[in-house]
Amino acid sequence: MHACKHVCMYACMQACMYVCIYICNMYGYMYACIVCILHVAYLLLVHYIYVCIFIYMFKSMHFIIS
C-alpha cells in the first residue's frame, strides 16, 4: 500500500493523486499510472484547445475593432 501510494505520487501527476491512490489500491499502480497519464494528457489537450479558441476570439475582436 505505502509503496503503491509512493509510486502514484511520483510516477503520476499530482492533478489526480487521490483518484490515482484509489485506483492503485483497487487494480495496482501500473493501471493507476496509465489512467493518470491519460487524465493529464486529456487536461492538457482541453487546455490547449481553450487557449487556441481564446487566441482566435481575441484576434477576431481585434480585427473587428480595427
PDB file of N, CA and C in Angstrom:
ATOM      1  N   MET A   1       0.837  -1.214   0.000  1.00  0.00           N
ATOM      2  CA  MET A   1       0.000   0.000   0.000  1.00  0.00           C
ATOM      3  C   MET A   1       0.864   1.253   0.000  1.00  0.00           C
ATOM      4  N   HIS A   2       1.830   1.322   0.917  1.00  0.00           N
ATOM      5  CA  HIS A   2       2.674   2.522   1.037  1.00  0.00           C
ATOM      6  C   HIS A   2       3.529   2.727  -0.213  1.00  0.00           C
ATOM      7  N   ALA A   3       4.116   1.628  -0.703  1.00  0.00           N
ATOM      8  CA  ALA A   3       4.930   1.692  -1.926  1.00  0.00           C
ATOM      9  C   ALA A   3       4.069   2.109  -3.112  1.00  0.00           C
ATOM     10  N   CYS A   4       2.858   1.588  -3.138  1.00  0.00           N
ATOM     11  CA  CYS A   4       1.896   1.894  -4.194  1.00  0.00           C
ATOM     12  C   CYS A   4       1.572   3.385  -4.212  1.00  0.00           C
ATOM     13  N   LYS A   5       1.289   3.932  -3.036  1.00  0.00           N
ATOM     14  CA  LYS A   5       0.982   5.356  -2.875  1.00  0.00           C
ATOM     15  C   LYS A   5       2.175   6.203  -3.310  1.00  0.00           C
ATOM     16  N   HIS A   6       3.372   5.751  -2.945  1.00  0.00           N
ATOM     17  CA  HIS A   6       4.624   6.432  -3.269  1.00  0.00           C
ATOM     18  C   HIS A   6       4.836   6.506  -4.777  1.00  0.00           C
ATOM     19  N   VAL A   7       4.654   5.382  -5.440  1.00  0.00           N
ATOM     20  CA  VAL A   7       4.795   5.295  -6.900  1.00  0.00           C
ATOM     21  C   VAL A   7       3.786   6.221  -7.573  1.00  0.00           C
ATOM     22  N   CYS A   8       2.548   6.206  -7.080  1.00  0.00           N
ATOM     23  CA  CYS A   8       1.498   7.051  -7.650  1.00  0.00           C
ATOM     24  C   CYS A   8       1.816   8.531  -7.504  1.00  0.00           C
ATOM     25  N   MET A   9       2.369   8.914  -6.373  1.00  0.00           N
ATOM     26  CA  MET A   9       2.683  10.323  -6.125  1.00  0.00           C
ATOM     27  C   MET A   9       3.773  10.844  -7.052  1.00  0.00           C
ATOM     28  N   TYR A  10       4.768  10.006  -7.360  1.00  0.00           N
ATOM     29  CA  TYR A  10       5.895  10.456  -8.171  1.00  0.00           C
ATOM     30  C   TYR A  10       5.777  10.104  -9.652  1.00  0.00           C
ATOM     31  N   ALA A  11       5.279   8.917  -9.951  1.00  0.00           N
ATOM     32  CA  ALA A  11       5.165   8.493 -11.351  1.00  0.00           C
ATOM     33  C   ALA A  11       3.991   9.172 -12.053  1.00  0.00           C
ATOM     34  N   CYS A  12       2.933   9.456 -11.296  1.00  0.00           N
ATOM     35  CA  CYS A  12       1.762  10.130 -11.848  1.00  0.00           C
ATOM     36  C   CYS A  12       1.798  11.605 -11.479  1.00  0.00           C
ATOM     37  N   MET A  13       1.095  12.409 -12.240  1.00  0.00           N
ATOM     38  CA  MET A  13       0.954  13.820 -11.917  1.00  0.00           C
ATOM     39  C   MET A  13       0.068  13.966 -10.685  1.00  0.00           C
ATOM     40  N   GLN A  14       0.259  15.038  -9.920  1.00  0.00           N
ATOM     41  CA  GLN A  14      -0.496  15.226  -8.687  1.00  0.00           C
ATOM     42  C   GLN A  14      -1.906  15.760  -8.926  1.00  0.00           C
ATOM     43  N   ALA A  15      -2.221  16.059 -10.170  1.00  0.00           N
ATOM     44  CA  ALA A  15      -3.553  16.565 -10.525  1.00  0.00           C
ATOM     45  C   ALA A  15      -4.663  15.589 -10.151  1.00  0.00           C
ATOM     46  N   CYS A  16      -4.349  14.305 -10.197  1.00  0.00           N
ATOM     47  CA  CYS A  16      -5.366  13.294  -9.890  1.00  0.00           C
ATOM     48  C   CYS A  16      -4.821  12.263  -8.914  1.00  0.00           C
ATOM     49  N   MET A  17      -4.063  12.745  -7.919  1.00  0.00           N
ATOM     50  CA  MET A  17      -3.402  11.870  -6.959  1.00  0.00           C
ATOM     51  C   MET A  17      -4.372  10.992  -6.172  1.00  0.00           C
ATOM     52  N   TYR A  18      -5.489  11.569  -5.715  1.00  0.00           N
ATOM     53  CA  TYR A  18      -6.445  10.808  -4.904  1.00  0.00           C
ATOM     54  C   TYR A  18      -7.139   9.722  -5.719  1.00  0.00           C
ATOM     55  N   VAL A  19      -7.492  10.061  -6.946  1.00  0.00           N
ATOM     56  CA  VAL A  19      -8.068   9.083  -7.874  1.00  0.00           C
ATOM     57  C   VAL A  19      -7.039   7.980  -8.121  1.00  0.00           C
ATOM     58  N   CYS A  20      -5.810   8.408  -8.305  1.00  0.00           N
ATOM     59  CA  CYS A  20      -4.696   7.501  -8.545  1.00  0.00           C
ATOM     60  C   CYS A  20      -4.526   6.508  -7.398  1.00  0.00           C
ATOM     61  N   ILE A  21      -4.528   7.003  -6.165  1.00  0.00           N
ATOM     62  CA  ILE A  21      -4.380   6.149  -4.978  1.00  0.00           C
ATOM     63  C   ILE A  21      -5.533   5.150  -4.887  1.00  0.00           C
ATOM     64  N   TYR A  22      -6.738   5.628  -5.169  1.00  0.00           N
ATOM     65  CA  TYR A  22      -7.931   4.766  -5.139  1.00  0.00           C
ATOM     66  C   TYR A  22      -7.811   3.638  -6.169  1.00  0.00           C
ATOM     67  N   ILE A  23      -7.480   3.993  -7.406  1.00  0.00           N
ATOM     68  CA  ILE A  23      -7.311   3.003  -8.487  1.00  0.00           C
ATOM     69  C   ILE A  23      -6.148   2.065  -8.147  1.00  0.00           C
ATOM     70  N   CYS A  24      -5.113   2.653  -7.580  1.00  0.00           N
ATOM     71  CA  CYS A  24      -3.929   1.921  -7.152  1.00  0.00           C
ATOM     72  C   CYS A  24      -4.290   0.791  -6.189  1.00  0.00           C
ATOM     73  N   ASN A  25      -5.078   1.107  -5.187  1.00  0.00           N
ATOM     74  CA  ASN A  25      -5.490   0.118  -4.187  1.00  0.00           C
ATOM     75  C   ASN A  25      -6.394  -0.956  -4.779  1.00  0.00           C
ATOM     76  N   MET A  26      -7.197  -0.560  -5.780  1.00  0.00           N
ATOM     77  CA  MET A  26      -8.142  -1.489  -6.401  1.00  0.00           C
ATOM     78  C   MET A  26      -7.481  -2.390  -7.457  1.00  0.00           C
ATOM     79  N   TYR A  27      -6.663  -1.796  -8.325  1.00  0.00           N
ATOM     80  CA  TYR A  27      -6.150  -2.517  -9.504  1.00  0.00           C
ATOM     81  C   TYR A  27      -4.625  -2.617  -9.609  1.00  0.00           C
ATOM     82  N   GLY A  28      -3.916  -1.838  -8.797  1.00  0.00           N
ATOM     83  CA  GLY A  28      -2.455  -1.835  -8.876  1.00  0.00           C
ATOM     84  C   GLY A  28      -1.913  -0.547  -9.486  1.00  0.00           C
ATOM     85  N   TYR A  29      -0.668  -0.218  -9.148  1.00  0.00           N
ATOM     86  CA  TYR A  29      -0.087   1.078  -9.523  1.00  0.00           C
ATOM     87  C   TYR A  29       0.135   1.270 -11.015  1.00  0.00           C
ATOM     88  N   MET A  30       0.432   0.213 -11.760  1.00  0.00           N
ATOM     89  CA  MET A  30       0.653   0.369 -13.205  1.00  0.00           C
ATOM     90  C   MET A  30      -0.611   0.875 -13.903  1.00  0.00           C
ATOM     91  N   TYR A  31      -1.729   0.264 -13.564  1.00  0.00           N
ATOM     92  CA  TYR A  31      -3.024   0.672 -14.126  1.00  0.00           C
ATOM     93  C   TYR A  31      -3.365   2.096 -13.701  1.00  0.00           C
ATOM     94  N   ALA A  32      -3.117   2.404 -12.442  1.00  0.00           N
ATOM     95  CA  ALA A  32      -3.385   3.738 -11.902  1.00  0.00           C
ATOM     96  C   ALA A  32      -2.565   4.803 -12.621  1.00  0.00           C
ATOM     97  N   CYS A  33      -1.313   4.516 -12.856  1.00  0.00           N
ATOM     98  CA  CYS A  33      -0.432   5.464 -13.546  1.00  0.00           C
ATOM     99  C   CYS A  33      -0.852   5.696 -14.992  1.00  0.00           C
ATOM    100  N   ILE A  34      -1.285   4.633 -15.669  1.00  0.00           N
ATOM    101  CA  ILE A  34      -1.782   4.761 -17.048  1.00  0.00           C
ATOM    102  C   ILE A  34      -3.007   5.679 -17.077  1.00  0.00           C
ATOM    103  N   VAL A  35      -3.934   5.448 -16.142  1.00  0.00           N
ATOM    104  CA  VAL A  35      -5.137   6.286 -16.033  1.00  0.00           C
ATOM    105  C   VAL A  35      -4.746   7.735 -15.761  1.00  0.00           C
ATOM    106  N   CYS A  36      -3.796   7.937 -14.853  1.00  0.00           N
ATOM    107  CA  CYS A  36      -3.324   9.285 -14.515  1.00  0.00           C
ATOM    108  C   CYS A  36      -2.700   9.997 -15.705  1.00  0.00           C
ATOM    109  N   ILE A  37      -1.848   9.310 -16.416  1.00  0.00           N
ATOM    110  CA  ILE A  37      -1.177   9.895 -17.586  1.00  0.00           C
ATOM    111  C   ILE A  37      -2.206  10.293 -18.649  1.00  0.00           C
ATOM    112  N   LEU A  38      -3.182   9.422 -18.880  1.00  0.00           N
ATOM    113  CA  LEU A  38      -4.257   9.725 -19.831  1.00  0.00           C
ATOM    114  C   LEU A  38      -5.084  10.920 -19.374  1.00  0.00           C
ATOM    115  N   HIS A  39      -5.363  10.978 -18.072  1.00  0.00           N
ATOM    116  CA  HIS A  39      -6.135  12.078 -17.495  1.00  0.00           C
ATOM    117  C   HIS A  39      -5.408  13.412 -17.673  1.00  0.00           C
ATOM    118  N   VAL A  40      -4.121  13.425 -17.367  1.00  0.00           N
ATOM    119  CA  VAL A  40      -3.303  14.637 -17.510  1.00  0.00           C
ATOM    120  C   VAL A  40      -3.196  15.043 -18.983  1.00  0.00           C
ATOM    121  N   ALA A  41      -3.007  14.067 -19.868  1.00  0.00           N
ATOM    122  CA  ALA A  41      -2.949  14.337 -21.311  1.00  0.00           C
ATOM    123  C   ALA A  41      -4.255  14.968 -21.789  1.00  0.00           C
ATOM    124  N   TYR A  42      -5.376  14.451 -21.284  1.00  0.00           N
ATOM    125  CA  TYR A  42      -6.704  14.989 -21.609  1.00  0.00           C
ATOM    126  C   TYR A  42      -6.842  16.432 -21.126  1.00  0.00           C
ATOM    127  N   LEU A  43      -6.412  16.699 -19.888  1.00  0.00           N
ATOM    128  CA  LEU A  43      -6.474  18.060 -19.337  1.00  0.00           C
ATOM    129  C   LEU A  43      -5.624  19.027 -20.153  1.00  0.00           C
ATOM    130  N   LEU A  44      -4.429  18.604 -20.535  1.00  0.00           N
ATOM    131  CA  LEU A  44      -3.542  19.440 -21.349  1.00  0.00           C
ATOM    132  C   LEU A  44      -4.156  19.724 -22.717  1.00  0.00           C
ATOM    133  N   LEU A  45      -4.756  18.710 -23.322  1.00  0.00           N
ATOM    134  CA  LEU A  45      -5.403  18.852 -24.626  1.00  0.00           C
ATOM    135  C   LEU A  45      -6.554  19.850 -24.556  1.00  0.00           C
ATOM    136  N   VAL A  46      -7.409  19.704 -23.544  1.00  0.00           N
ATOM    137  CA  VAL A  46      -8.549  20.608 -23.350  1.00  0.00           C
ATOM    138  C   VAL A  46      -8.058  22.037 -23.122  1.00  0.00           C
ATOM    139  N   HIS A  47      -7.022  22.188 -22.295  1.00  0.00           N
ATOM    140  CA  HIS A  47      -6.435  23.499 -22.009  1.00  0.00           C
ATOM    141  C   HIS A  47      -5.893  24.131 -23.295  1.00  0.00           C
ATOM    142  N   TYR A  48      -5.206  23.336 -24.106  1.00  0.00           N
ATOM    143  CA  TYR A  48      -4.648  23.799 -25.378  1.00  0.00           C
ATOM    144  C   TYR A  48      -5.751  24.271 -26.320  1.00  0.00           C
ATOM    145  N   ILE A  49      -6.847  23.508 -26.390  1.00  0.00           N
ATOM    146  CA  ILE A  49      -7.990  23.871 -27.242  1.00  0.00           C
ATOM    147  C   ILE A  49      -8.598  25.199 -26.781  1.00  0.00           C
ATOM    148  N   TYR A  50      -8.782  25.360 -25.459  1.00  0.00           N
ATOM    149  CA  TYR A  50      -9.323  26.607 -24.917  1.00  0.00           C
ATOM    150  C   TYR A  50      -8.425  27.800 -25.224  1.00  0.00           C
ATOM    151  N   VAL A  51      -7.116  27.612 -25.102  1.00  0.00           N
ATOM    152  CA  VAL A  51      -6.151  28.676 -25.413  1.00  0.00           C
ATOM    153  C   VAL A  51      -6.258  29.065 -26.888  1.00  0.00           C
ATOM    154  N   CYS A  52      -6.341  28.075 -27.767  1.00  0.00           N
ATOM    155  CA  CYS A  52      -6.486  28.325 -29.211  1.00  0.00           C
ATOM    156  C   CYS A  52      -7.770  29.092 -29.525  1.00  0.00           C
ATOM    157  N   ILE A  53      -8.866  28.692 -28.902  1.00  0.00           N
ATOM    158  CA  ILE A  53     -10.154  29.379 -29.092  1.00  0.00           C
ATOM    159  C   ILE A  53     -10.062  30.821 -28.601  1.00  0.00           C
ATOM    160  N   PHE A  54      -9.448  31.016 -27.437  1.00  0.00           N
ATOM    161  CA  PHE A  54      -9.295  32.355 -26.863  1.00  0.00           C
ATOM    162  C   PHE A  54      -8.476  33.258 -27.784  1.00  0.00           C
ATOM    163  N   ILE A  55      -7.359  32.741 -28.294  1.00  0.00           N
ATOM    164  CA  ILE A  55      -6.498  33.499 -29.211  1.00  0.00           C
ATOM    165  C   ILE A  55      -7.268  33.851 -30.493  1.00  0.00           C
ATOM    166  N   TYR A  56      -8.007  32.889 -31.030  1.00  0.00           N
ATOM    167  CA  TYR A  56      -8.816  33.104 -32.230  1.00  0.00           C
ATOM    168  C   TYR A  56      -9.874  34.189 -31.995  1.00  0.00           C
ATOM    169  N   MET A  57     -10.551  34.114 -30.843  1.00  0.00           N
ATOM    170  CA  MET A  57     -11.579  35.098 -30.472  1.00  0.00           C
ATOM    171  C   MET A  57     -10.955  36.484 -30.322  1.00  0.00           C
ATOM    172  N   PHE A  58      -9.798  36.521 -29.651  1.00  0.00           N
ATOM    173  CA  PHE A  58      -9.095  37.788 -29.425  1.00  0.00           C
ATOM    174  C   PHE A  58      -8.683  38.426 -30.753  1.00  0.00           C
ATOM    175  N   LYS A  59      -8.156  37.621 -31.665  1.00  0.00           N
ATOM    176  CA  LYS A  59      -7.756  38.113 -32.990  1.00  0.00           C
ATOM    177  C   LYS A  59      -8.970  38.609 -33.774  1.00  0.00           C
ATOM    178  N   SER A  60     -10.083  37.894 -33.676  1.00  0.00           N
ATOM    179  CA  SER A  60     -11.330  38.294 -34.339  1.00  0.00           C
ATOM    180  C   SER A  60     -11.835  39.625 -33.792  1.00  0.00           C
ATOM    181  N   MET A  61     -11.800  39.763 -32.478  1.00  0.00           N
ATOM    182  CA  MET A  61     -12.238  41.001 -31.812  1.00  0.00           C
ATOM    183  C   MET A  61     -11.352  42.170 -32.236  1.00  0.00           C
ATOM    184  N   HIS A  62     -10.054  41.913 -32.260  1.00  0.00           N
ATOM    185  CA  HIS A  62      -9.075  42.929 -32.643  1.00  0.00           C
ATOM    186  C   HIS A  62      -9.305  43.366 -34.093  1.00  0.00           C
ATOM    187  N   PHE A  63      -9.628  42.418 -34.955  1.00  0.00           N
ATOM    188  CA  PHE A  63      -9.896  42.676 -36.367  1.00  0.00           C
ATOM    189  C   PHE A  63     -11.162  43.532 -36.518  1.00  0.00           C
ATOM    190  N   ILE A  64     -12.184  43.237 -35.725  1.00  0.00           N
ATOM    191  CA  ILE A  64     -13.456  43.980 -35.766  1.00  0.00           C
ATOM    192  C   ILE A  64     -13.244  45.424 -35.290  1.00  0.00           C
ATOM    193  N   ILE A  65     -12.462  45.575 -34.205  1.00  0.00           N
ATOM    194  CA  ILE A  65     -12.200  46.913 -33.634  1.00  0.00           C
ATOM    195  C   ILE A  65     -11.416  47.767 -34.632  1.00  0.00           C
ATOM    196  N   SER A  66     -10.380  47.191 -35.244  1.00  0.00           N
ATOM    197  CA  SER A  66      -9.538  47.919 -36.198  1.00  0.00           C
ATOM    198  C   SER A  66     -10.133  47.828 -37.595  1.00  0.00           C
TER     199      SER A  66
END
